Protein backbone atom coordinates (compact mmCIF):
# COMPACT_ATOMS: atom_id res chain seq x y z
CA MET A 1 17.24 9.66 19.64
CA LYS A 2 18.63 12.44 17.49
CA ARG A 3 17.85 15.07 20.09
CA ILE A 4 20.45 17.73 20.78
CA SER A 5 21.74 18.04 24.34
CA LEU A 6 20.37 21.08 26.14
CA ALA A 7 23.25 21.27 28.63
CA ILE A 8 25.42 23.66 26.63
CA MET A 9 26.99 27.04 26.99
CA PHE A 10 25.37 29.86 25.05
CA ALA A 11 28.56 30.44 23.08
CA LEU A 12 28.29 27.05 21.42
CA CYS A 13 25.18 28.17 19.58
CA THR A 14 27.27 30.58 17.55
CA LEU A 15 29.22 27.62 16.15
CA SER A 16 26.15 26.15 14.49
CA VAL A 17 26.68 28.08 11.27
CA ALA A 18 29.82 26.15 10.33
CA ALA A 19 29.09 24.74 6.89
CA GLN A 20 30.43 23.95 3.45
CA ASP A 21 31.09 27.25 1.67
CA VAL A 22 30.06 26.31 -1.90
CA ILE A 23 27.57 23.60 -2.87
CA ARG A 24 26.43 22.56 -6.33
CA VAL A 25 22.67 22.09 -6.77
CA ASN A 26 21.72 19.30 -9.17
CA TYR A 27 18.19 19.27 -10.53
CA LYS A 28 15.98 18.28 -13.42
CA GLY A 29 13.66 20.65 -15.21
CA ALA A 30 13.81 24.38 -15.73
CA LYS A 31 14.74 25.39 -12.19
CA PRO A 32 15.55 23.85 -8.80
CA THR A 33 12.85 23.15 -6.23
CA ILE A 34 13.05 23.28 -2.45
CA SER A 35 13.68 19.53 -2.52
CA ASP A 36 16.70 20.08 -4.76
CA PHE A 37 18.12 22.75 -2.45
CA ALA A 38 17.46 20.66 0.65
CA TRP A 39 19.07 17.53 -0.73
CA ALA A 40 22.06 19.47 -2.10
CA LEU A 41 22.82 20.78 1.38
CA LEU A 42 22.07 17.63 3.36
CA SER A 43 23.77 15.18 0.99
CA ASN A 44 26.86 17.37 1.08
CA TYR A 45 27.21 16.79 4.83
CA VAL A 46 29.78 14.10 5.57
CA TRP A 47 30.97 13.50 9.09
CA ASP A 48 34.72 13.17 9.44
CA GLU A 49 35.03 11.14 12.63
CA GLU A 50 38.63 12.26 13.22
CA ASP A 51 38.22 16.01 12.78
CA ASP A 52 34.64 17.12 13.32
CA VAL A 53 32.01 17.06 16.03
CA LEU A 54 29.01 15.19 14.67
CA ASP A 55 26.25 17.65 13.76
CA GLU A 56 23.44 15.51 15.15
CA SER A 57 20.63 17.62 13.72
CA LYS A 58 22.01 17.66 10.16
CA ASN A 59 22.93 13.99 10.34
CA ALA A 60 19.40 13.11 11.48
CA ALA A 61 17.84 15.26 8.74
CA LYS A 62 20.10 13.70 6.10
CA SER A 63 19.18 10.19 7.24
CA ALA A 64 15.45 10.99 7.17
CA TRP A 65 15.69 12.66 3.75
CA THR A 66 17.54 9.63 2.39
CA GLN A 67 14.66 7.42 3.52
CA TYR A 68 12.12 9.92 2.19
CA ARG A 69 13.75 10.02 -1.26
CA LYS A 70 13.72 6.22 -1.42
CA GLY A 71 10.05 6.07 -0.46
CA LEU A 72 10.84 4.27 2.79
CA PRO A 73 8.94 4.83 6.05
CA LEU A 74 10.56 7.29 8.44
CA ASP A 75 11.64 6.42 11.96
CA GLU A 76 9.06 6.71 14.72
CA GLY A 77 8.50 10.34 15.69
CA ASP A 78 9.98 11.66 12.42
CA LYS A 79 8.11 13.65 9.80
CA ILE A 80 9.06 15.48 6.59
CA THR A 81 6.83 18.13 5.03
CA VAL A 82 7.65 19.45 1.56
CA ASP A 83 5.71 22.38 0.09
CA GLN A 84 7.13 22.70 -3.42
CA LYS A 85 4.75 25.49 -4.39
CA ASN A 86 5.83 27.76 -1.54
CA GLY A 87 9.48 26.68 -1.54
CA TYR A 88 9.45 25.36 2.03
CA ALA A 89 10.43 22.08 3.68
CA VAL A 90 10.78 20.94 7.28
CA TYR A 91 12.07 17.83 9.01
CA GLU A 92 10.62 17.23 12.48
CA SER A 93 11.78 14.68 15.04
CA ARG A 94 9.67 14.35 18.17
CA ASP A 95 10.46 12.40 21.34
CA GLY A 96 7.89 13.05 24.05
CA GLU A 97 7.98 16.78 24.80
CA ASP A 98 11.21 17.28 22.83
CA LEU A 99 10.98 18.51 19.24
CA LEU A 100 13.78 19.09 16.74
CA MET A 101 12.87 21.11 13.64
CA VAL A 102 15.09 21.57 10.59
CA GLU A 103 13.50 24.13 8.28
CA MET A 104 14.57 25.09 4.77
CA CYS A 105 13.19 27.58 2.27
CA TYR A 106 14.25 29.88 -0.54
CA TRP A 107 13.40 33.29 -1.96
CA ASN A 108 13.70 34.56 -5.52
CA GLU A 109 15.84 37.70 -5.58
CA ALA A 110 14.76 40.86 -7.39
CA ASP A 111 17.58 40.63 -9.96
CA GLN A 112 16.08 37.32 -11.21
CA LYS A 113 19.61 35.90 -11.33
CA HIS A 114 19.90 34.63 -7.78
CA LYS A 115 17.94 32.86 -5.06
CA LEU A 116 18.44 33.04 -1.31
CA PHE A 117 18.32 29.72 0.53
CA ALA A 118 18.00 29.38 4.32
CA TYR A 119 18.67 26.45 6.63
CA ASN A 120 17.29 26.78 10.17
CA VAL A 121 17.62 24.42 13.15
CA LYS A 122 15.64 24.87 16.37
CA CYS A 123 14.71 22.73 19.35
CA TYR A 124 11.68 22.88 21.65
CA ASP A 125 10.80 21.36 25.00
CA GLY A 126 7.12 21.32 25.89
CA GLY A 127 6.36 23.93 23.25
CA ARG A 128 9.03 26.38 24.43
CA TYR A 129 12.25 27.12 22.60
CA SER A 130 15.11 25.17 24.18
CA PRO A 131 18.25 25.64 22.08
CA GLY A 132 20.67 22.84 21.38
CA GLN A 133 24.30 22.89 20.31
CA PHE A 134 23.57 22.96 16.58
CA ASP A 135 20.64 25.37 16.53
CA GLY A 136 21.10 28.24 14.13
CA LEU A 137 20.08 30.06 10.96
CA THR A 138 22.36 29.84 7.92
CA PHE A 139 22.01 31.48 4.49
CA TYR A 140 23.30 30.59 1.04
CA ARG A 141 23.07 32.63 -2.17
CA TYR A 142 22.32 30.55 -5.26
CA ASP A 143 23.52 31.68 -8.69
CA ASN A 144 21.22 30.62 -11.53
CA ALA A 145 24.10 30.63 -14.04
CA THR A 146 26.61 28.49 -12.12
CA LYS A 147 24.02 26.32 -10.35
CA LYS A 148 25.98 26.72 -7.13
CA MET A 149 25.03 28.18 -3.77
CA THR A 150 27.57 29.97 -1.62
CA LEU A 151 27.47 30.53 2.12
CA CYS A 152 26.64 34.16 2.86
CA GLU A 153 25.78 36.49 5.71
CA ALA A 154 22.16 37.16 6.61
CA PRO A 155 21.07 39.91 4.20
CA GLY A 156 19.92 42.99 6.07
CA PHE A 157 20.18 41.79 9.67
CA GLU A 158 22.52 40.11 12.12
CA VAL A 159 21.68 36.59 13.24
CA VAL A 160 21.82 36.47 17.04
CA TYR A 161 20.85 33.68 19.42
CA GLY A 162 20.47 35.65 22.62
CA THR A 163 19.95 39.15 23.97
CA GLU A 164 21.82 41.16 26.58
CA ASP A 165 18.96 40.73 29.05
CA GLY A 166 19.17 36.91 28.87
CA ALA A 167 16.47 36.01 26.34
CA TRP A 168 17.00 33.22 23.82
CA VAL A 169 16.27 34.05 20.17
CA SER A 170 14.71 31.73 17.58
CA TYR A 171 13.70 32.19 13.95
CA ASP A 172 10.75 30.84 11.97
CA LEU A 173 11.08 30.52 8.20
CA PRO A 174 7.98 31.29 6.11
CA ARG A 175 5.88 28.52 4.63
CA SER A 176 3.43 31.15 3.40
CA GLY A 177 4.47 34.69 2.64
CA LYS A 178 8.10 35.79 2.49
CA ASP A 179 8.99 37.11 5.93
CA ILE A 180 10.96 35.60 8.82
CA ILE A 181 9.60 35.70 12.37
CA TYR A 182 12.15 36.63 15.05
CA THR A 183 11.17 35.54 18.58
CA GLU A 184 12.73 36.39 21.94
CA TRP A 185 12.01 33.86 24.70
CA LYS A 186 12.45 34.89 28.33
CA GLY A 187 10.80 33.04 31.18
CA ASN A 188 7.15 32.53 30.33
CA ALA A 189 7.06 35.51 27.98
CA LYS A 190 7.97 35.82 24.33
CA LYS A 191 8.28 38.83 22.06
CA GLN A 192 8.16 38.70 18.28
CA LYS A 193 8.97 40.91 15.34
CA ILE A 194 8.79 40.45 11.58
CA LEU A 195 11.84 40.57 9.33
CA LYS A 196 10.33 41.64 6.01
CA TRP A 197 11.78 40.50 2.68
CA ASN A 198 12.00 43.15 -0.07
CA GLY A 199 13.58 41.07 -2.83
CA ARG A 200 17.14 41.87 -1.80
CA ARG A 201 17.29 41.77 1.99
CA PHE A 202 15.29 41.62 5.20
CA ARG A 203 14.32 44.78 7.10
């Protein structure tokens, strides 16, 4: 199963954002879709067995997307949802109570020259957030002119995976609307806030 091990140190979560800095987005038509962005990122991932730790979540998502693009049935427990209209896609892999989600979406920027693309990995156990080694939220800025997206910092906020009082932090990308949901998980309680998109950054 492509499930991420839960027995990790908190510090490892901060390594999840390691990624290719610049990625070309190939597409047909007037503009790229969420499928084009998703495949550009996932197809760009190549595991170097000698140098890199295998990113199990990205490798699993790439494998599933390859099957999806070929019209082949997905592995048991796997599901891909693509909402082209709302610019959102998610790969889900479920094994009993364990759930891996790889979300992707994009926003049009106010300057009409760029798009912001997000890639978000999160794991759950019995409906509660249970972070794995490769969980994390990563952003790319896409340039309409060059057709390339470049790794960038989160616009307007700092991506964190835990709080000083011991809570884990997860993020939910929007399938409807434009805002990101930030959730703190501690014990049986969770606390949420909305990161609102204004066309340039989140507030």
